[in-house]
Amino acid sequence: MKIFSLLLLRVSLGSLFFYAGITKVLDPNWSADFYLKGAKTFSSFYTWLLQPNILPTVNFLNEWGLLLIGLTVTIGIFVRVSSVGGAVMMLLYYFPLLDGLYPNPHAFLIDEHIVYAAGFLVLASFRAGRVFGLEKWCQDLPICTRFPKLRVLLG
């Protein structure tokens, strides 16, 4: 049951992120500016990210971060590193929405971003890439034997 649950969590979170990323990458008009402009918490930080010389980098990191986190988590490689990145990304999505103790009108303190972040931390903690993923296979490759630090990234 634990194996199936980890696999289900990994593939569902991964595909959710992959889809969110690919739709942003393929849409030349997409920008994070609408999200950043509405920041209620840490508004000075999120307004700083709106600067014309910073926003393109924010957009690039957001689009490709979502896509790559989604891809790696779905196929089960570099899950530990990707999961930590996904959890951090979800916290960065969470804070602009937070209005006092309410991230949205139907939630008190906890919303889907916190749930996703917790899911990513579970994946990182349980080495979920080894559950029907490519991490175990990749760890046995000669490159991982030659460069042991890659094993740390793999988990």
Protein backbone atom coordinates (compact mmCIF):
# COMPACT_ATOMS: atom_id res chain seq x y z
CA MET A 1 0.00 0.00 0.00
CA LYS A 2 2.86 2.41 0.85
CA ILE A 3 4.47 1.80 -2.55
CA PHE A 4 1.23 2.42 -4.42
CA SER A 5 0.53 5.56 -2.39
CA LEU A 6 3.99 7.00 -3.08
CA LEU A 7 3.67 6.19 -6.77
CA LEU A 8 0.23 7.77 -6.96
CA LEU A 9 1.37 10.90 -5.11
CA ARG A 10 4.51 11.21 -7.24
CA VAL A 11 2.77 10.78 -10.59
CA SER A 12 -0.20 12.99 -9.72
CA LEU A 13 1.91 15.88 -8.36
CA GLY A 14 4.40 15.48 -11.18
CA SER A 15 1.79 15.52 -13.92
CA LEU A 16 0.03 18.49 -12.31
CA PHE A 17 3.28 20.48 -12.35
CA PHE A 18 4.27 19.29 -15.83
CA TYR A 19 0.94 20.39 -17.28
CA ALA A 20 1.11 23.76 -15.51
CA GLY A 21 4.62 24.26 -16.86
CA ILE A 22 4.02 23.14 -20.44
CA THR A 23 0.97 25.37 -20.81
CA LYS A 24 3.02 28.37 -19.65
CA VAL A 25 6.02 27.53 -21.84
CA LEU A 26 3.80 27.16 -24.92
CA ASP A 27 1.90 30.40 -24.29
CA PRO A 28 4.07 33.33 -25.46
CA ASN A 29 1.76 35.81 -23.70
CA TRP A 30 1.96 34.19 -20.27
CA SER A 31 3.54 36.22 -17.49
CA ALA A 32 3.59 36.05 -13.70
CA ASP A 33 2.88 39.77 -13.46
CA PHE A 34 -0.85 39.32 -12.77
CA TYR A 35 -0.05 37.07 -9.81
CA LEU A 36 2.72 39.25 -8.42
CA LYS A 37 0.66 42.45 -8.66
CA GLY A 38 -1.98 41.01 -6.33
CA ALA A 39 0.41 40.11 -3.51
CA LYS A 40 -1.09 40.75 -0.07
CA THR A 41 1.80 39.46 2.03
CA PHE A 42 5.44 40.44 1.43
CA SER A 43 4.12 42.80 -1.23
CA SER A 44 7.38 44.77 -1.42
CA PHE A 45 9.28 41.56 -2.31
CA TYR A 46 6.75 40.53 -4.95
CA THR A 47 6.64 44.09 -6.34
CA TRP A 48 10.43 43.99 -6.60
CA LEU A 49 10.07 40.83 -8.75
CA LEU A 50 7.90 42.88 -11.15
CA GLN A 51 10.79 45.10 -12.21
CA PRO A 52 11.29 44.97 -15.99
CA ASN A 53 14.84 43.61 -15.65
CA ILE A 54 13.75 40.87 -13.18
CA LEU A 55 10.31 39.77 -14.43
CA PRO A 56 11.62 37.89 -17.52
CA THR A 57 13.84 35.79 -15.23
CA VAL A 58 10.93 35.16 -12.87
CA ASN A 59 8.78 34.08 -15.81
CA PHE A 60 11.50 31.78 -17.17
CA LEU A 61 12.18 30.17 -13.77
CA ASN A 62 8.46 29.73 -13.15
CA GLU A 63 7.65 28.17 -16.53
CA TRP A 64 10.65 25.89 -16.76
CA GLY A 65 10.74 25.17 -13.03
CA LEU A 66 7.18 23.85 -13.13
CA LEU A 67 7.87 21.83 -16.28
CA LEU A 68 11.16 20.28 -15.09
CA ILE A 69 9.93 19.58 -11.58
CA GLY A 70 6.86 17.95 -13.07
CA LEU A 71 8.86 15.88 -15.55
CA THR A 72 11.49 14.65 -13.10
CA VAL A 73 8.98 13.83 -10.38
CA THR A 74 6.69 12.02 -12.83
CA ILE A 75 9.43 9.80 -14.27
CA GLY A 76 11.07 9.37 -10.88
CA ILE A 77 14.53 10.86 -11.27
CA PHE A 78 16.09 13.56 -9.06
CA VAL A 79 12.87 13.41 -7.04
CA ARG A 80 14.47 14.56 -3.79
CA VAL A 81 15.94 17.74 -5.31
CA SER A 82 12.87 18.41 -7.46
CA SER A 83 10.54 17.89 -4.51
CA VAL A 84 12.39 20.42 -2.39
CA GLY A 85 12.21 22.84 -5.33
CA GLY A 86 8.49 22.15 -5.70
CA ALA A 87 7.87 22.76 -2.00
CA VAL A 88 9.77 26.08 -2.12
CA MET A 89 7.86 27.08 -5.25
CA MET A 90 4.55 26.35 -3.53
CA LEU A 91 5.51 28.55 -0.58
CA LEU A 92 6.37 31.34 -3.02
CA TYR A 93 2.89 30.89 -4.54
CA TYR A 94 1.24 30.75 -1.12
CA PHE A 95 2.45 33.97 0.48
CA PRO A 96 1.10 36.48 -2.07
CA LEU A 97 -2.39 35.04 -1.55
CA LEU A 98 -2.28 35.13 2.25
CA ASP A 99 -4.53 37.84 3.61
CA GLY A 100 -4.00 37.69 7.36
CA LEU A 101 -4.81 34.07 8.17
CA TYR A 102 -6.85 33.45 5.00
CA PRO A 103 -5.14 32.36 1.78
CA ASN A 104 -8.54 32.40 0.06
CA PRO A 105 -12.16 32.91 1.14
CA HIS A 106 -12.69 29.17 1.65
CA ALA A 107 -9.56 28.36 3.65
CA PHE A 108 -8.08 29.16 7.02
CA LEU A 109 -4.26 29.19 6.95
CA ILE A 110 -4.00 26.02 4.81
CA ASP A 111 -4.78 25.92 1.11
CA GLU A 112 -3.77 23.71 -1.82
CA HIS A 113 -0.28 25.24 -2.00
CA ILE A 114 0.52 24.05 1.52
CA VAL A 115 -0.93 20.61 0.75
CA TYR A 116 1.20 20.37 -2.42
CA ALA A 117 4.29 21.48 -0.48
CA ALA A 118 3.61 18.81 2.15
CA GLY A 119 3.16 16.22 -0.59
CA PHE A 120 6.52 17.16 -2.08
CA LEU A 121 8.19 16.87 1.32
CA VAL A 122 6.72 13.36 1.70
CA LEU A 123 8.14 12.42 -1.71
CA ALA A 124 11.57 13.76 -0.76
CA SER A 125 11.53 12.01 2.63
CA PHE A 126 10.56 8.57 1.34
CA ARG A 127 12.84 8.47 -1.72
CA ALA A 128 9.82 8.13 -3.95
CA GLY A 129 11.92 8.06 -7.12
CA ARG A 130 12.95 4.52 -6.28
CA VAL A 131 9.31 3.39 -6.41
CA PHE A 132 8.80 2.46 -10.06
CA GLY A 133 10.97 5.43 -11.04
CA LEU A 134 14.30 5.85 -12.78
CA GLU A 135 16.38 6.69 -9.70
CA LYS A 136 17.33 3.13 -8.82
CA TRP A 137 18.28 2.38 -12.41
CA CYS A 138 20.23 5.63 -12.74
CA GLN A 139 22.08 5.10 -9.48
CA ASP A 140 23.62 1.91 -10.88
CA LEU A 141 24.97 3.63 -14.00
CA PRO A 142 28.76 3.99 -14.32
CA ILE A 143 28.50 7.79 -14.21
CA CYS A 144 27.00 7.62 -10.72
CA THR A 145 29.78 5.31 -9.61
CA ARG A 146 32.35 7.66 -11.06
CA PHE A 147 30.74 10.77 -9.57
CA PRO A 148 29.35 9.77 -6.14
CA LYS A 149 27.87 13.24 -5.57
CA LEU A 150 25.26 12.40 -8.20
CA ARG A 151 23.99 9.72 -5.85
CA VAL A 152 23.25 12.40 -3.27
CA LEU A 153 21.11 14.24 -5.83
CA LEU A 154 19.33 11.03 -6.70
CA GLY A 155 18.57 10.26 -3.08
